[in-house]
């Protein structure tokens, strides 16, 4: 395939992935990595390197807006980033020593869970129960805007959330995805942080997590400009367009389409890992 045609097709696919990822809250990395490996036959490690670069770009572009609007809890993000960064370093080093087939199977399992997660309802979780004393000492409790007023919330089970974040970092470094689903689980389901705060804080964090592991991939030569550049530009454009359409879009239908696509890719990745095609 000619290089210009390859770059154009990768850009278009990445833009579609970024668009759907922005509307579902999972990011475009969960689609870009398997598509590069399965459709364009890019070596999985190079696909992971390109996906990590795109995660950094999309997170950096959107995070500042969420911080200005008051949704992102920067203190929680910086605290939990300690765990995700350590995990990302470990996952990136582990990926270089893990057979491609094993990586493919692990990615397929994570994709299946991501598809399931995209279909689950995410109601805002508010609670009147007392928060974690550790959260009070670290001043992690906060507020976010709701209908022109500030809604207070308290943080629970800080240690459990921190441990889950380490696992999310490992998955990010190992598979080249933002692992946003795992981060949201840690904050929304475990730490009982409202969903809007969880998703925006996760977006704030994934760029730093990806940067930690991307440095390892770059040093090992797994970041190729001809692959990484169209992926980064495509996902960035798609995510910006998706963010603008979020308010009026039929998100339920888009979530179903996204879940179906990701599930098919997951099965292909698992099958390819077991049969040795990847």
C-alpha atoms as a PDB file:
ATOM      1  CA  UNK A   1       0.000   0.000   0.000  1.00  0.00           C
ATOM      2  CA  UNK A   2       1.411   3.463  -0.921  1.00  0.00           C
ATOM      3  CA  UNK A   3       2.521   5.502   2.089  1.00  0.00           C
ATOM      4  CA  UNK A   4       0.186   8.431   1.363  1.00  0.00           C
ATOM      5  CA  UNK A   5      -2.834   6.143   1.017  1.00  0.00           C
ATOM      6  CA  UNK A   6      -1.848   4.317   4.217  1.00  0.00           C
ATOM      7  CA  UNK A   7      -1.588   7.600   6.156  1.00  0.00           C
ATOM      8  CA  UNK A   8      -4.922   8.849   4.787  1.00  0.00           C
ATOM      9  CA  UNK A   9      -6.778   5.657   5.710  1.00  0.00           C
ATOM     10  CA  UNK A  10      -5.203   5.531   9.177  1.00  0.00           C
ATOM     11  CA  UNK A  11      -6.177   9.178   9.713  1.00  0.00           C
ATOM     12  CA  UNK A  12      -9.824   8.533   8.744  1.00  0.00           C
ATOM     13  CA  UNK A  13     -10.102   5.418  10.918  1.00  0.00           C
ATOM     14  CA  UNK A  14      -8.465   7.224  13.835  1.00  0.00           C
ATOM     15  CA  UNK A  15     -10.848  10.175  13.462  1.00  0.00           C
ATOM     16  CA  UNK A  16     -13.837   7.814  13.604  1.00  0.00           C
ATOM     17  CA  UNK A  17     -12.357   6.091  16.646  1.00  0.00           C
ATOM     18  CA  UNK A  18     -11.769   9.409  18.385  1.00  0.00           C
ATOM     19  CA  UNK A  19     -15.305  10.569  17.590  1.00  0.00           C
ATOM     20  CA  UNK A  20     -16.941   7.451  19.030  1.00  0.00           C
ATOM     21  CA  UNK A  21     -14.522   7.384  21.929  1.00  0.00           C
ATOM     22  CA  UNK A  22     -15.397  10.944  22.928  1.00  0.00           C
ATOM     23  CA  UNK A  23     -19.114  10.181  22.883  1.00  0.00           C
ATOM     24  CA  UNK A  24     -18.776   7.001  24.946  1.00  0.00           C
ATOM     25  CA  UNK A  25     -16.145   8.249  27.370  1.00  0.00           C
ATOM     26  CA  UNK A  26     -13.664   5.450  26.624  1.00  0.00           C
ATOM     27  CA  UNK A  27     -11.311   7.284  24.264  1.00  0.00           C
ATOM     28  CA  UNK A  28     -10.190   6.225  20.809  1.00  0.00           C
ATOM     29  CA  UNK A  29      -7.264   4.041  21.878  1.00  0.00           C
ATOM     30  CA  UNK A  30      -9.451   0.996  22.473  1.00  0.00           C
ATOM     31  CA  UNK A  31     -10.297   0.994  18.744  1.00  0.00           C
ATOM     32  CA  UNK A  32      -7.106   2.346  17.183  1.00  0.00           C
ATOM     33  CA  UNK A  33      -4.720  -0.295  18.540  1.00  0.00           C
ATOM     34  CA  UNK A  34      -6.626  -3.387  17.328  1.00  0.00           C
ATOM     35  CA  UNK A  35      -7.548  -1.770  13.994  1.00  0.00           C
ATOM     36  CA  UNK A  36      -3.896  -0.990  13.250  1.00  0.00           C
ATOM     37  CA  UNK A  37      -2.949  -4.572  14.090  1.00  0.00           C
ATOM     38  CA  UNK A  38      -5.842  -6.374  12.393  1.00  0.00           C
ATOM     39  CA  UNK A  39      -6.691  -4.182   9.386  1.00  0.00           C
ATOM     40  CA  UNK A  40      -3.408  -2.468   8.546  1.00  0.00           C
ATOM     41  CA  UNK A  41      -1.186  -5.331   9.787  1.00  0.00           C
ATOM     42  CA  UNK A  42       0.973  -3.040  11.878  1.00  0.00           C
ATOM     43  CA  UNK A  43       3.091  -4.867  14.457  1.00  0.00           C
ATOM     44  CA  UNK A  44       1.189  -4.741  17.739  1.00  0.00           C
ATOM     45  CA  UNK A  45       3.976  -2.968  19.628  1.00  0.00           C
ATOM     46  CA  UNK A  46       4.173  -0.203  16.996  1.00  0.00           C
ATOM     47  CA  UNK A  47       0.364   0.088  17.121  1.00  0.00           C
ATOM     48  CA  UNK A  48       0.560   0.468  20.902  1.00  0.00           C
ATOM     49  CA  UNK A  49       3.234   3.176  20.578  1.00  0.00           C
ATOM     50  CA  UNK A  50       1.106   5.158  18.123  1.00  0.00           C
ATOM     51  CA  UNK A  51      -1.967   4.810  20.318  1.00  0.00           C
ATOM     52  CA  UNK A  52      -0.103   6.133  23.354  1.00  0.00           C
ATOM     53  CA  UNK A  53       0.933   9.250  21.428  1.00  0.00           C
ATOM     54  CA  UNK A  54      -2.700   9.850  20.442  1.00  0.00           C
ATOM     55  CA  UNK A  55      -3.814   9.463  24.074  1.00  0.00           C
ATOM     56  CA  UNK A  56      -1.365  12.180  25.139  1.00  0.00           C
ATOM     57  CA  UNK A  57      -2.658  14.551  22.450  1.00  0.00           C
ATOM     58  CA  UNK A  58      -6.357  14.057  23.145  1.00  0.00           C
ATOM     59  CA  UNK A  59      -5.954  14.274  26.918  1.00  0.00           C
ATOM     60  CA  UNK A  60      -3.904  17.455  26.693  1.00  0.00           C
ATOM     61  CA  UNK A  61      -6.454  19.089  24.415  1.00  0.00           C
ATOM     62  CA  UNK A  62      -9.582  18.367  26.456  1.00  0.00           C
ATOM     63  CA  UNK A  63      -8.278  18.386  30.030  1.00  0.00           C
ATOM     64  CA  UNK A  64      -7.790  22.149  30.241  1.00  0.00           C
ATOM     65  CA  UNK A  65     -11.425  22.821  29.311  1.00  0.00           C
ATOM     66  CA  UNK A  66     -12.730  20.476  32.002  1.00  0.00           C
ATOM     67  CA  UNK A  67     -10.460  22.080  34.604  1.00  0.00           C
ATOM     68  CA  UNK A  68     -11.760  25.557  33.704  1.00  0.00           C
ATOM     69  CA  UNK A  69     -15.361  24.384  33.962  1.00  0.00           C
ATOM     70  CA  UNK A  70     -14.745  23.068  37.475  1.00  0.00           C
ATOM     71  CA  UNK A  71     -15.463  19.377  36.876  1.00  0.00           C
ATOM     72  CA  UNK A  72     -11.939  17.991  37.245  1.00  0.00           C
ATOM     73  CA  UNK A  73     -10.634  17.333  40.747  1.00  0.00           C
ATOM     74  CA  UNK A  74      -6.962  18.136  40.213  1.00  0.00           C
ATOM     75  CA  UNK A  75      -5.912  17.002  43.710  1.00  0.00           C
ATOM     76  CA  UNK A  76      -7.424  13.558  43.180  1.00  0.00           C
ATOM     77  CA  UNK A  77      -5.897  13.350  39.715  1.00  0.00           C
ATOM     78  CA  UNK A  78      -2.392  14.207  40.899  1.00  0.00           C
ATOM     79  CA  UNK A  79      -2.655  11.844  43.886  1.00  0.00           C
ATOM     80  CA  UNK A  80      -3.897   8.867  41.858  1.00  0.00           C
ATOM     81  CA  UNK A  81      -1.411   9.649  39.087  1.00  0.00           C
ATOM     82  CA  UNK A  82       1.324   8.370  41.402  1.00  0.00           C
ATOM     83  CA  UNK A  83      -0.184   4.879  41.130  1.00  0.00           C
ATOM     84  CA  UNK A  84      -0.979   5.005  37.408  1.00  0.00           C
ATOM     85  CA  UNK A  85       2.470   6.319  36.465  1.00  0.00           C
ATOM     86  CA  UNK A  86       4.239   3.570  38.410  1.00  0.00           C
ATOM     87  CA  UNK A  87       1.943   1.023  36.792  1.00  0.00           C
ATOM     88  CA  UNK A  88       2.505   2.490  33.319  1.00  0.00           C
ATOM     89  CA  UNK A  89       6.283   2.217  33.646  1.00  0.00           C
ATOM     90  CA  UNK A  90       5.948  -1.387  34.732  1.00  0.00           C
ATOM     91  CA  UNK A  91       3.471  -2.227  31.989  1.00  0.00           C
ATOM     92  CA  UNK A  92       5.608  -0.668  29.255  1.00  0.00           C
ATOM     93  CA  UNK A  93       8.699  -2.606  30.349  1.00  0.00           C
ATOM     94  CA  UNK A  94       6.630  -5.782  30.619  1.00  0.00           C
ATOM     95  CA  UNK A  95       5.234  -5.326  27.100  1.00  0.00           C
ATOM     96  CA  UNK A  96       8.718  -5.478  25.575  1.00  0.00           C
ATOM     97  CA  UNK A  97       9.218  -8.911  27.155  1.00  0.00           C
ATOM     98  CA  UNK A  98       5.750 -10.329  26.485  1.00  0.00           C
ATOM     99  CA  UNK A  99       5.007 -12.320  23.303  1.00  0.00           C
ATOM    100  CA  UNK A 100       2.742 -10.534  20.845  1.00  0.00           C
ATOM    101  CA  UNK A 101       0.181 -13.312  20.990  1.00  0.00           C
ATOM    102  CA  UNK A 102      -0.166 -12.926  24.753  1.00  0.00           C
ATOM    103  CA  UNK A 103      -0.515  -9.138  24.394  1.00  0.00           C
ATOM    104  CA  UNK A 104      -3.222  -9.709  21.789  1.00  0.00           C
ATOM    105  CA  UNK A 105      -5.225 -11.971  24.102  1.00  0.00           C
ATOM    106  CA  UNK A 106      -4.917  -9.581  27.046  1.00  0.00           C
ATOM    107  CA  UNK A 107      -5.981  -6.654  24.862  1.00  0.00           C
ATOM    108  CA  UNK A 108      -8.951  -8.653  23.590  1.00  0.00           C
ATOM    109  CA  UNK A 109     -10.139  -9.350  27.136  1.00  0.00           C
ATOM    110  CA  UNK A 110      -9.776  -5.662  28.079  1.00  0.00           C
ATOM    111  CA  UNK A 111     -11.672  -4.662  24.931  1.00  0.00           C
ATOM    112  CA  UNK A 112     -14.530  -6.997  25.815  1.00  0.00           C
ATOM    113  CA  UNK A 113     -14.781  -5.379  29.219  1.00  0.00           C
ATOM    114  CA  UNK A 114     -14.619  -1.914  27.625  1.00  0.00           C
ATOM    115  CA  UNK A 115     -17.523  -2.843  25.341  1.00  0.00           C
ATOM    116  CA  UNK A 116     -19.517  -4.028  28.345  1.00  0.00           C
ATOM    117  CA  UNK A 117     -18.614  -0.911  30.317  1.00  0.00           C
ATOM    118  CA  UNK A 118     -19.734   1.413  27.527  1.00  0.00           C
ATOM    119  CA  UNK A 119     -23.272  -0.003  27.752  1.00  0.00           C
ATOM    120  CA  UNK A 120     -23.628   0.250  31.508  1.00  0.00           C
ATOM    121  CA  UNK A 121     -25.560   3.229  32.872  1.00  0.00           C
ATOM    122  CA  UNK A 122     -23.449   5.736  34.766  1.00  0.00           C
ATOM    123  CA  UNK A 123     -25.704   7.709  37.105  1.00  0.00           C
ATOM    124  CA  UNK A 124     -24.161  10.377  39.271  1.00  0.00           C
ATOM    125  CA  UNK A 125     -23.461   8.878  42.654  1.00  0.00           C
ATOM    126  CA  UNK A 126     -24.048  11.122  45.606  1.00  0.00           C
ATOM    127  CA  UNK A 127     -24.040   9.877  49.144  1.00  0.00           C
ATOM    128  CA  UNK A 128     -24.603  11.258  52.594  1.00  0.00           C
ATOM    129  CA  UNK A 129     -22.277   8.725  54.196  1.00  0.00           C
ATOM    130  CA  UNK A 130     -19.095   9.913  55.853  1.00  0.00           C
ATOM    131  CA  UNK A 131     -16.070   9.933  53.595  1.00  0.00           C
ATOM    132  CA  UNK A 132     -12.694   8.295  54.048  1.00  0.00           C
ATOM    133  CA  UNK A 133     -10.631   9.988  56.797  1.00  0.00           C
ATOM    134  CA  UNK A 134      -7.591   9.691  54.528  1.00  0.00           C
ATOM    135  CA  UNK A 135      -9.445  11.695  51.876  1.00  0.00           C
ATOM    136  CA  UNK A 136     -10.106  14.406  54.442  1.00  0.00           C
ATOM    137  CA  UNK A 137      -6.436  14.543  55.440  1.00  0.00           C
ATOM    138  CA  UNK A 138      -5.376  14.772  51.809  1.00  0.00           C
ATOM    139  CA  UNK A 139      -8.176  17.285  51.049  1.00  0.00           C
ATOM    140  CA  UNK A 140      -9.551  15.162  48.199  1.00  0.00           C
ATOM    141  CA  UNK A 141     -13.223  16.029  48.819  1.00  0.00           C
ATOM    142  CA  UNK A 142     -14.564  18.682  46.475  1.00  0.00           C
ATOM    143  CA  UNK A 143     -17.470  20.065  44.482  1.00  0.00           C
ATOM    144  CA  UNK A 144     -18.600  20.385  40.866  1.00  0.00           C
ATOM    145  CA  UNK A 145     -21.142  22.584  39.045  1.00  0.00           C
ATOM    146  CA  UNK A 146     -24.732  21.359  38.782  1.00  0.00           C
ATOM    147  CA  UNK A 147     -27.372  23.691  37.284  1.00  0.00           C
ATOM    148  CA  UNK A 148     -25.448  26.806  38.247  1.00  0.00           C
ATOM    149  CA  UNK A 149     -24.671  25.705  41.799  1.00  0.00           C
ATOM    150  CA  UNK A 150     -21.863  23.746  43.439  1.00  0.00           C
ATOM    151  CA  UNK A 151     -22.636  20.154  44.435  1.00  0.00           C
ATOM    152  CA  UNK A 152     -20.443  18.878  47.270  1.00  0.00           C
ATOM    153  CA  UNK A 153     -19.142  15.298  47.370  1.00  0.00           C
ATOM    154  CA  UNK A 154     -16.926  13.191  49.610  1.00  0.00           C
ATOM    155  CA  UNK A 155     -14.406  10.526  48.622  1.00  0.00           C
ATOM    156  CA  UNK A 156     -14.524   6.927  49.906  1.00  0.00           C
ATOM    157  CA  UNK A 157     -12.082   3.974  49.972  1.00  0.00           C
ATOM    158  CA  UNK A 158      -8.984   5.872  48.911  1.00  0.00           C
ATOM    159  CA  UNK A 159      -6.614   2.906  49.343  1.00  0.00           C
ATOM    160  CA  UNK A 160      -8.755   0.586  47.208  1.00  0.00           C
ATOM    161  CA  UNK A 161      -9.019   3.228  44.500  1.00  0.00           C
ATOM    162  CA  UNK A 162      -5.261   3.796  44.581  1.00  0.00           C
ATOM    163  CA  UNK A 163      -4.607   0.063  44.123  1.00  0.00           C
ATOM    164  CA  UNK A 164      -7.036  -0.142  41.201  1.00  0.00           C
ATOM    165  CA  UNK A 165      -5.303   2.836  39.590  1.00  0.00           C
ATOM    166  CA  UNK A 166      -2.009   0.949  39.659  1.00  0.00           C
ATOM    167  CA  UNK A 167      -3.670  -1.825  37.644  1.00  0.00           C
ATOM    168  CA  UNK A 168      -5.072   0.756  35.221  1.00  0.00           C
ATOM    169  CA  UNK A 169      -1.567   2.130  34.705  1.00  0.00           C
ATOM    170  CA  UNK A 170      -0.203  -1.348  33.986  1.00  0.00           C
ATOM    171  CA  UNK A 171      -2.911  -1.908  31.360  1.00  0.00           C
ATOM    172  CA  UNK A 172      -2.151   1.468  29.772  1.00  0.00           C
ATOM    173  CA  UNK A 173       1.567   0.787  29.446  1.00  0.00           C
ATOM    174  CA  UNK A 174       1.057  -2.825  28.399  1.00  0.00           C
ATOM    175  CA  UNK A 175      -1.672  -2.296  25.796  1.00  0.00           C
ATOM    176  CA  UNK A 176      -1.361   1.325  24.666  1.00  0.00           C
ATOM    177  CA  UNK A 177      -4.842   2.411  25.753  1.00  0.00           C
ATOM    178  CA  UNK A 178      -5.900   5.155  28.102  1.00  0.00           C
ATOM    179  CA  UNK A 179      -7.564   2.503  30.325  1.00  0.00           C
ATOM    180  CA  UNK A 180     -10.238   5.095  31.018  1.00  0.00           C
ATOM    181  CA  UNK A 181     -12.778   2.397  31.876  1.00  0.00           C
ATOM    182  CA  UNK A 182     -10.601   1.134  34.731  1.00  0.00           C
ATOM    183  CA  UNK A 183      -9.908   4.652  35.981  1.00  0.00           C
ATOM    184  CA  UNK A 184     -13.596   5.497  35.977  1.00  0.00           C
ATOM    185  CA  UNK A 185     -14.350   2.268  37.853  1.00  0.00           C
ATOM    186  CA  UNK A 186     -11.809   3.189  40.514  1.00  0.00           C
ATOM    187  CA  UNK A 187     -13.283   6.655  41.043  1.00  0.00           C
ATOM    188  CA  UNK A 188     -16.961   6.140  40.237  1.00  0.00           C
ATOM    189  CA  UNK A 189     -17.643   2.639  41.570  1.00  0.00           C
ATOM    190  CA  UNK A 190     -15.027   2.291  44.329  1.00  0.00           C
ATOM    191  CA  UNK A 191     -14.304   5.819  45.581  1.00  0.00           C
ATOM    192  CA  UNK A 192     -17.941   6.926  45.012  1.00  0.00           C
ATOM    193  CA  UNK A 193     -16.957  10.097  43.160  1.00  0.00           C
ATOM    194  CA  UNK A 194     -19.735  11.540  40.906  1.00  0.00           C
ATOM    195  CA  UNK A 195     -19.499  10.246  37.362  1.00  0.00           C
ATOM    196  CA  UNK A 196     -18.928  13.614  35.709  1.00  0.00           C
ATOM    197  CA  UNK A 197     -16.009  14.260  38.049  1.00  0.00           C
ATOM    198  CA  UNK A 198     -14.697  10.723  37.497  1.00  0.00           C
ATOM    199  CA  UNK A 199     -14.686  10.941  33.705  1.00  0.00           C
ATOM    200  CA  UNK A 200     -13.160  14.421  33.524  1.00  0.00           C
ATOM    201  CA  UNK A 201     -10.521  13.606  36.125  1.00  0.00           C
ATOM    202  CA  UNK A 202      -9.743  10.378  34.244  1.00  0.00           C
ATOM    203  CA  UNK A 203      -9.273  12.412  31.070  1.00  0.00           C
ATOM    204  CA  UNK A 204      -6.939  14.719  32.989  1.00  0.00           C
ATOM    205  CA  UNK A 205      -4.894  11.708  34.116  1.00  0.00           C
ATOM    206  CA  UNK A 206      -4.602   9.519  31.020  1.00  0.00           C
ATOM    207  CA  UNK A 207      -2.232  11.871  29.205  1.00  0.00           C
ATOM    208  CA  UNK A 208       0.317  11.743  32.029  1.00  0.00           C
ATOM    209  CA  UNK A 209      -0.084   7.966  32.319  1.00  0.00           C
ATOM    210  CA  UNK A 210       0.424   7.521  28.574  1.00  0.00           C
ATOM    211  CA  UNK A 211       3.424   9.871  28.574  1.00  0.00           C
ATOM    212  CA  UNK A 212       5.143   7.724  31.206  1.00  0.00           C
ATOM    213  CA  UNK A 213       4.847   4.566  29.123  1.00  0.00           C
ATOM    214  CA  UNK A 214       5.295   6.298  25.738  1.00  0.00           C
ATOM    215  CA  UNK A 215       8.826   7.274  26.766  1.00  0.00           C
ATOM    216  CA  UNK A 216       9.694   3.593  27.150  1.00  0.00           C
ATOM    217  CA  UNK A 217       8.199   2.731  23.742  1.00  0.00           C
ATOM    218  CA  UNK A 218      10.013   5.678  22.149  1.00  0.00           C
ATOM    219  CA  UNK A 219      13.363   4.616  23.609  1.00  0.00           C
ATOM    220  CA  UNK A 220      12.853   1.108  22.218  1.00  0.00           C
ATOM    221  CA  UNK A 221      12.014   2.420  18.727  1.00  0.00           C
ATOM    222  CA  UNK A 222       8.326   1.467  18.759  1.00  0.00           C
ATOM    223  CA  UNK A 223       7.060   4.979  17.881  1.00  0.00           C
ATOM    224  CA  UNK A 224       7.172   5.466  14.090  1.00  0.00           C
ATOM    225  CA  UNK A 225       6.146   8.918  12.766  1.00  0.00           C
ATOM    226  CA  UNK A 226       4.401   7.520   9.664  1.00  0.00           C
ATOM    227  CA  UNK A 227       2.029   5.609  11.957  1.00  0.00           C
ATOM    228  CA  UNK A 228       1.912   7.781  15.066  1.00  0.00           C
ATOM    229  CA  UNK A 229       1.300  11.119  13.306  1.00  0.00           C
ATOM    230  CA  UNK A 230      -1.891  10.237  11.339  1.00  0.00           C
ATOM    231  CA  UNK A 231      -3.217   8.371  14.376  1.00  0.00           C
ATOM    232  CA  UNK A 232      -2.603  11.343  16.669  1.00  0.00           C
ATOM    233  CA  UNK A 233      -4.130  13.893  14.274  1.00  0.00           C
ATOM    234  CA  UNK A 234      -7.104  11.686  13.476  1.00  0.00           C
ATOM    235  CA  UNK A 235      -7.993  10.831  17.080  1.00  0.00           C
ATOM    236  CA  UNK A 236      -7.511  14.466  18.123  1.00  0.00           C
ATOM    237  CA  UNK A 237      -9.847  15.740  15.384  1.00  0.00           C
ATOM    238  CA  UNK A 238     -12.414  13.037  16.046  1.00  0.00           C
ATOM    239  CA  UNK A 239     -12.453  13.625  19.789  1.00  0.00           C
ATOM    240  CA  UNK A 240     -12.931  17.379  19.344  1.00  0.00           C
ATOM    241  CA  UNK A 241     -15.852  16.799  16.967  1.00  0.00           C
ATOM    242  CA  UNK A 242     -17.314  14.205  19.312  1.00  0.00           C
ATOM    243  CA  UNK A 243     -17.105  16.536  22.287  1.00  0.00           C
ATOM    244  CA  UNK A 244     -19.071  19.194  20.368  1.00  0.00           C
ATOM    245  CA  UNK A 245     -21.779  16.683  19.415  1.00  0.00           C
ATOM    246  CA  UNK A 246     -22.064  15.151  22.862  1.00  0.00           C
ATOM    247  CA  UNK A 247     -24.928  17.340  24.089  1.00  0.00           C
ATOM    248  CA  UNK A 248     -27.322  16.649  21.225  1.00  0.00           C
ATOM    249  CA  UNK A 249     -26.219  13.231  20.041  1.00  0.00           C
ATOM    250  CA  UNK A 250     -28.151   9.995  20.472  1.00  0.00           C
ATOM    251  CA  UNK A 251     -25.471   8.667  22.757  1.00  0.00           C
ATOM    252  CA  UNK A 252     -27.333   5.456  23.581  1.00  0.00           C
ATOM    253  CA  UNK A 253     -27.272   4.329  19.950  1.00  0.00           C
ATOM    254  CA  UNK A 254     -23.654   5.396  19.555  1.00  0.00           C
ATOM    255  CA  UNK A 255     -22.704   3.449  22.682  1.00  0.00           C
ATOM    256  CA  UNK A 256     -24.312   0.341  21.180  1.00  0.00           C
ATOM    257  CA  UNK A 257     -22.466   0.788  17.887  1.00  0.00           C
ATOM    258  CA  UNK A 258     -19.209   1.422  19.720  1.00  0.00           C
ATOM    259  CA  UNK A 259     -19.696  -1.654  21.920  1.00  0.00           C
ATOM    260  CA  UNK A 260     -20.465  -3.846  18.894  1.00  0.00           C
ATOM    261  CA  UNK A 261     -17.359  -2.682  17.013  1.00  0.00           C
ATOM    262  CA  UNK A 262     -15.109  -3.099  20.037  1.00  0.00           C
ATOM    263  CA  UNK A 263     -16.550  -6.566  20.781  1.00  0.00           C
ATOM    264  CA  UNK A 264     -15.819  -7.747  17.224  1.00  0.00           C
ATOM    265  CA  UNK A 265     -12.287  -6.392  17.421  1.00  0.00           C
ATOM    266  CA  UNK A 266     -11.827  -8.064  20.813  1.00  0.00           C
ATOM    267  CA  UNK A 267     -12.848 -11.472  19.461  1.00  0.00           C
ATOM    268  CA  UNK A 268     -10.505 -11.024  16.494  1.00  0.00           C
ATOM    269  CA  UNK A 269      -7.629 -10.078  18.807  1.00  0.00           C
ATOM    270  CA  UNK A 270      -8.211 -13.084  21.064  1.00  0.00           C
ATOM    271  CA  UNK A 271      -8.545 -15.423  18.083  1.00  0.00           C
ATOM    272  CA  UNK A 272      -5.413 -13.983  16.464  1.00  0.00           C
ATOM    273  CA  UNK A 273      -3.479 -14.375  19.714  1.00  0.00           C
ATOM    274  CA  UNK A 274      -4.444 -18.027  20.113  1.00  0.00           C
ATOM    275  CA  UNK A 275      -3.837 -18.941  16.469  1.00  0.00           C
ATOM    276  CA  UNK A 276      -0.559 -17.034  16.160  1.00  0.00           C
ATOM    277  CA  UNK A 277      -1.758 -14.615  13.471  1.00  0.00           C
ATOM    278  CA  UNK A 278      -0.571 -11.619  15.559  1.00  0.00           C
END
